[in-house]
Amino acid sequence: MKVEGLQPPVFEDKEDFFKIILYRPPGVKEIAEAPQKVPRKSTQKKYPEKVPRKSTLKIGGSAQKVLKLIAADQNITTSEMAIKIGVSPDAVKKHLAKLKMKNLIIRVGPDKGGHWEIVK
């Protein structure tokens, strides 16, 4: 170190740790410049839109029975459908909601006095 013209390091002993001080040679910048940020590639894949893998028009057996009952009688109630299919009224409401969401059926008129229509 003396050959290079550097000061020797200073060792300080503390109770719980020790400290070493190293001196830089003259002419060296004290603060190193921060490296420039490199733009990173996005990890997100660029796909147009997500396409459902399964067909959205595929419906289950009970939902098909609901459609057949509506085709036979547009004024049928959810309670009547539940009895004929053999499921709970809540299950029928669930099937009706799915059929409405898939735009296979619509409800025309109020809950009491209205009727179901199958969209073609």
C-alpha atoms as a PDB file:
ATOM      1  CA  MET A   1       0.000   0.000   0.000  1.00  0.00           C
ATOM      2  CA  LYS A   2       2.846   2.338   0.723  1.00  0.00           C
ATOM      3  CA  VAL A   3       4.263   1.690  -2.730  1.00  0.00           C
ATOM      4  CA  GLU A   4       0.965   2.822  -4.292  1.00  0.00           C
ATOM      5  CA  GLY A   5       0.818   5.890  -2.073  1.00  0.00           C
ATOM      6  CA  LEU A   6      -2.248   4.744  -0.147  1.00  0.00           C
ATOM      7  CA  GLN A   7      -2.903   5.282   3.507  1.00  0.00           C
ATOM      8  CA  PRO A   8      -3.128   2.087   5.527  1.00  0.00           C
ATOM      9  CA  PRO A   9      -6.621   0.942   6.574  1.00  0.00           C
ATOM     10  CA  VAL A  10      -7.849   1.823  10.040  1.00  0.00           C
ATOM     11  CA  PHE A  11      -9.342  -0.945  12.184  1.00  0.00           C
ATOM     12  CA  GLU A  12     -11.676   0.082  14.993  1.00  0.00           C
ATOM     13  CA  ASP A  13     -12.929  -2.477  17.502  1.00  0.00           C
ATOM     14  CA  LYS A  14     -16.358  -1.738  18.976  1.00  0.00           C
ATOM     15  CA  GLU A  15     -18.154  -3.773  21.614  1.00  0.00           C
ATOM     16  CA  ASP A  16     -20.546  -5.605  19.298  1.00  0.00           C
ATOM     17  CA  PHE A  17     -18.836  -5.104  15.930  1.00  0.00           C
ATOM     18  CA  PHE A  18     -15.691  -3.858  14.245  1.00  0.00           C
ATOM     19  CA  LYS A  19     -15.163  -1.166  11.632  1.00  0.00           C
ATOM     20  CA  ILE A  20     -12.615  -0.966   8.813  1.00  0.00           C
ATOM     21  CA  ILE A  21     -11.906   2.330   7.076  1.00  0.00           C
ATOM     22  CA  LEU A  22     -10.324   2.117   3.620  1.00  0.00           C
ATOM     23  CA  TYR A  23      -8.942   5.249   1.956  1.00  0.00           C
ATOM     24  CA  ARG A  24      -9.131   5.911  -1.777  1.00  0.00           C
ATOM     25  CA  PRO A  25      -6.193   7.043  -3.778  1.00  0.00           C
ATOM     26  CA  PRO A  26      -6.124  10.736  -4.704  1.00  0.00           C
ATOM     27  CA  GLY A  27      -7.976  11.602  -7.920  1.00  0.00           C
ATOM     28  CA  VAL A  28     -10.717   8.971  -7.536  1.00  0.00           C
ATOM     29  CA  LYS A  29     -14.241  10.346  -7.469  1.00  0.00           C
ATOM     30  CA  GLU A  30     -15.854   9.988  -4.082  1.00  0.00           C
ATOM     31  CA  ILE A  31     -19.328   9.265  -5.420  1.00  0.00           C
ATOM     32  CA  ALA A  32     -19.590   6.743  -8.171  1.00  0.00           C
ATOM     33  CA  GLU A  33     -22.102   7.534 -10.858  1.00  0.00           C
ATOM     34  CA  ALA A  34     -25.221   5.441 -10.741  1.00  0.00           C
ATOM     35  CA  PRO A  35     -25.461   3.024 -13.635  1.00  0.00           C
ATOM     36  CA  GLN A  36     -27.945   3.983 -16.293  1.00  0.00           C
ATOM     37  CA  LYS A  37     -31.238   2.165 -16.139  1.00  0.00           C
ATOM     38  CA  VAL A  38     -31.614  -0.460 -18.809  1.00  0.00           C
ATOM     39  CA  PRO A  39     -35.168  -0.795 -20.118  1.00  0.00           C
ATOM     40  CA  ARG A  40     -36.550  -4.212 -19.321  1.00  0.00           C
ATOM     41  CA  LYS A  41     -38.726  -6.304 -21.544  1.00  0.00           C
ATOM     42  CA  SER A  42     -42.283  -6.723 -20.392  1.00  0.00           C
ATOM     43  CA  THR A  43     -43.092 -10.140 -19.006  1.00  0.00           C
ATOM     44  CA  GLN A  44     -46.706  -9.729 -20.028  1.00  0.00           C
ATOM     45  CA  LYS A  45     -47.590 -11.605 -23.168  1.00  0.00           C
ATOM     46  CA  LYS A  46     -49.339  -9.542 -25.766  1.00  0.00           C
ATOM     47  CA  TYR A  47     -52.403 -11.390 -26.953  1.00  0.00           C
ATOM     48  CA  PRO A  48     -55.380  -9.669 -28.565  1.00  0.00           C
ATOM     49  CA  GLU A  49     -58.266 -10.841 -26.391  1.00  0.00           C
ATOM     50  CA  LYS A  50     -58.790 -13.867 -24.286  1.00  0.00           C
ATOM     51  CA  VAL A  51     -60.847 -16.396 -26.157  1.00  0.00           C
ATOM     52  CA  PRO A  52     -62.863 -18.825 -24.067  1.00  0.00           C
ATOM     53  CA  ARG A  53     -61.721 -22.378 -24.545  1.00  0.00           C
ATOM     54  CA  LYS A  54     -65.139 -23.897 -24.131  1.00  0.00           C
ATOM     55  CA  SER A  55     -68.082 -22.966 -26.241  1.00  0.00           C
ATOM     56  CA  THR A  56     -70.281 -20.427 -24.474  1.00  0.00           C
ATOM     57  CA  LEU A  57     -73.414 -22.024 -25.962  1.00  0.00           C
ATOM     58  CA  LYS A  58     -72.841 -25.353 -24.247  1.00  0.00           C
ATOM     59  CA  ILE A  59     -75.452 -25.898 -21.537  1.00  0.00           C
ATOM     60  CA  GLY A  60     -76.077 -28.669 -19.040  1.00  0.00           C
ATOM     61  CA  GLY A  61     -78.866 -31.232 -18.936  1.00  0.00           C
ATOM     62  CA  SER A  62     -81.070 -29.393 -16.428  1.00  0.00           C
ATOM     63  CA  ALA A  63     -80.717 -26.141 -18.362  1.00  0.00           C
ATOM     64  CA  GLN A  64     -81.800 -27.972 -21.533  1.00  0.00           C
ATOM     65  CA  LYS A  65     -84.850 -29.285 -19.673  1.00  0.00           C
ATOM     66  CA  VAL A  66     -85.650 -25.700 -18.616  1.00  0.00           C
ATOM     67  CA  LEU A  67     -85.467 -24.621 -22.277  1.00  0.00           C
ATOM     68  CA  LYS A  68     -87.797 -27.457 -23.327  1.00  0.00           C
ATOM     69  CA  LEU A  69     -90.307 -26.519 -20.617  1.00  0.00           C
ATOM     70  CA  ILE A  70     -90.251 -22.869 -21.725  1.00  0.00           C
ATOM     71  CA  ALA A  71     -90.713 -23.929 -25.345  1.00  0.00           C
ATOM     72  CA  ALA A  72     -93.742 -25.998 -24.308  1.00  0.00           C
ATOM     73  CA  ASP A  73     -95.270 -23.329 -22.025  1.00  0.00           C
ATOM     74  CA  GLN A  74     -94.052 -19.720 -22.063  1.00  0.00           C
ATOM     75  CA  ASN A  75     -96.063 -18.861 -18.943  1.00  0.00           C
ATOM     76  CA  ILE A  76     -94.519 -21.593 -16.761  1.00  0.00           C
ATOM     77  CA  THR A  77     -93.307 -20.536 -13.305  1.00  0.00           C
ATOM     78  CA  THR A  78     -90.001 -21.386 -11.668  1.00  0.00           C
ATOM     79  CA  SER A  79     -91.832 -23.494  -9.068  1.00  0.00           C
ATOM     80  CA  GLU A  80     -93.535 -25.555 -11.770  1.00  0.00           C
ATOM     81  CA  MET A  81     -90.206 -26.022 -13.568  1.00  0.00           C
ATOM     82  CA  ALA A  82     -88.551 -27.165 -10.335  1.00  0.00           C
ATOM     83  CA  ILE A  83     -91.256 -29.797  -9.734  1.00  0.00           C
ATOM     84  CA  LYS A  84     -91.153 -31.112 -13.311  1.00  0.00           C
ATOM     85  CA  ILE A  85     -87.346 -31.280 -13.474  1.00  0.00           C
ATOM     86  CA  GLY A  86     -86.887 -32.502  -9.918  1.00  0.00           C
ATOM     87  CA  VAL A  87     -84.582 -29.761  -8.643  1.00  0.00           C
ATOM     88  CA  SER A  88     -84.995 -26.883  -6.183  1.00  0.00           C
ATOM     89  CA  PRO A  89     -86.517 -23.549  -7.265  1.00  0.00           C
ATOM     90  CA  ASP A  90     -83.149 -21.901  -6.553  1.00  0.00           C
ATOM     91  CA  ALA A  91     -81.467 -24.289  -8.992  1.00  0.00           C
ATOM     92  CA  VAL A  92     -84.042 -23.348 -11.644  1.00  0.00           C
ATOM     93  CA  LYS A  93     -83.333 -19.647 -11.005  1.00  0.00           C
ATOM     94  CA  LYS A  94     -79.627 -20.354 -11.433  1.00  0.00           C
ATOM     95  CA  HIS A  95     -80.257 -22.118 -14.766  1.00  0.00           C
ATOM     96  CA  LEU A  96     -82.507 -19.275 -15.926  1.00  0.00           C
ATOM     97  CA  ALA A  97     -79.812 -16.727 -15.043  1.00  0.00           C
ATOM     98  CA  LYS A  98     -77.241 -18.675 -17.081  1.00  0.00           C
ATOM     99  CA  LEU A  99     -79.611 -18.951 -20.030  1.00  0.00           C
ATOM    100  CA  LYS A 100     -80.326 -15.212 -19.852  1.00  0.00           C
ATOM    101  CA  MET A 101     -76.603 -14.444 -19.670  1.00  0.00           C
ATOM    102  CA  LYS A 102     -76.022 -16.523 -22.813  1.00  0.00           C
ATOM    103  CA  ASN A 103     -78.878 -14.648 -24.511  1.00  0.00           C
ATOM    104  CA  LEU A 104     -80.858 -17.837 -25.100  1.00  0.00           C
ATOM    105  CA  ILE A 105     -83.979 -16.633 -23.298  1.00  0.00           C
ATOM    106  CA  ILE A 106     -85.516 -13.323 -22.212  1.00  0.00           C
ATOM    107  CA  ARG A 107     -88.229 -12.453 -19.728  1.00  0.00           C
ATOM    108  CA  VAL A 108     -91.002 -10.292 -21.170  1.00  0.00           C
ATOM    109  CA  GLY A 109     -93.154  -8.448 -18.680  1.00  0.00           C
ATOM    110  CA  PRO A 110     -93.170  -8.483 -14.876  1.00  0.00           C
ATOM    111  CA  ASP A 111     -92.427 -11.455 -12.608  1.00  0.00           C
ATOM    112  CA  LYS A 112     -96.139 -12.069 -12.150  1.00  0.00           C
ATOM    113  CA  GLY A 113     -98.026 -12.032 -15.413  1.00  0.00           C
ATOM    114  CA  GLY A 114     -94.991 -12.031 -17.725  1.00  0.00           C
ATOM    115  CA  HIS A 115     -93.717 -14.840 -19.899  1.00  0.00           C
ATOM    116  CA  TRP A 116     -90.491 -16.344 -21.232  1.00  0.00           C
ATOM    117  CA  GLU A 117     -89.341 -16.123 -24.838  1.00  0.00           C
ATOM    118  CA  ILE A 118     -86.626 -18.190 -26.493  1.00  0.00           C
ATOM    119  CA  VAL A 119     -84.278 -16.053 -28.556  1.00  0.00           C
ATOM    120  CA  LYS A 120     -83.686 -17.557 -32.016  1.00  0.00           C
END
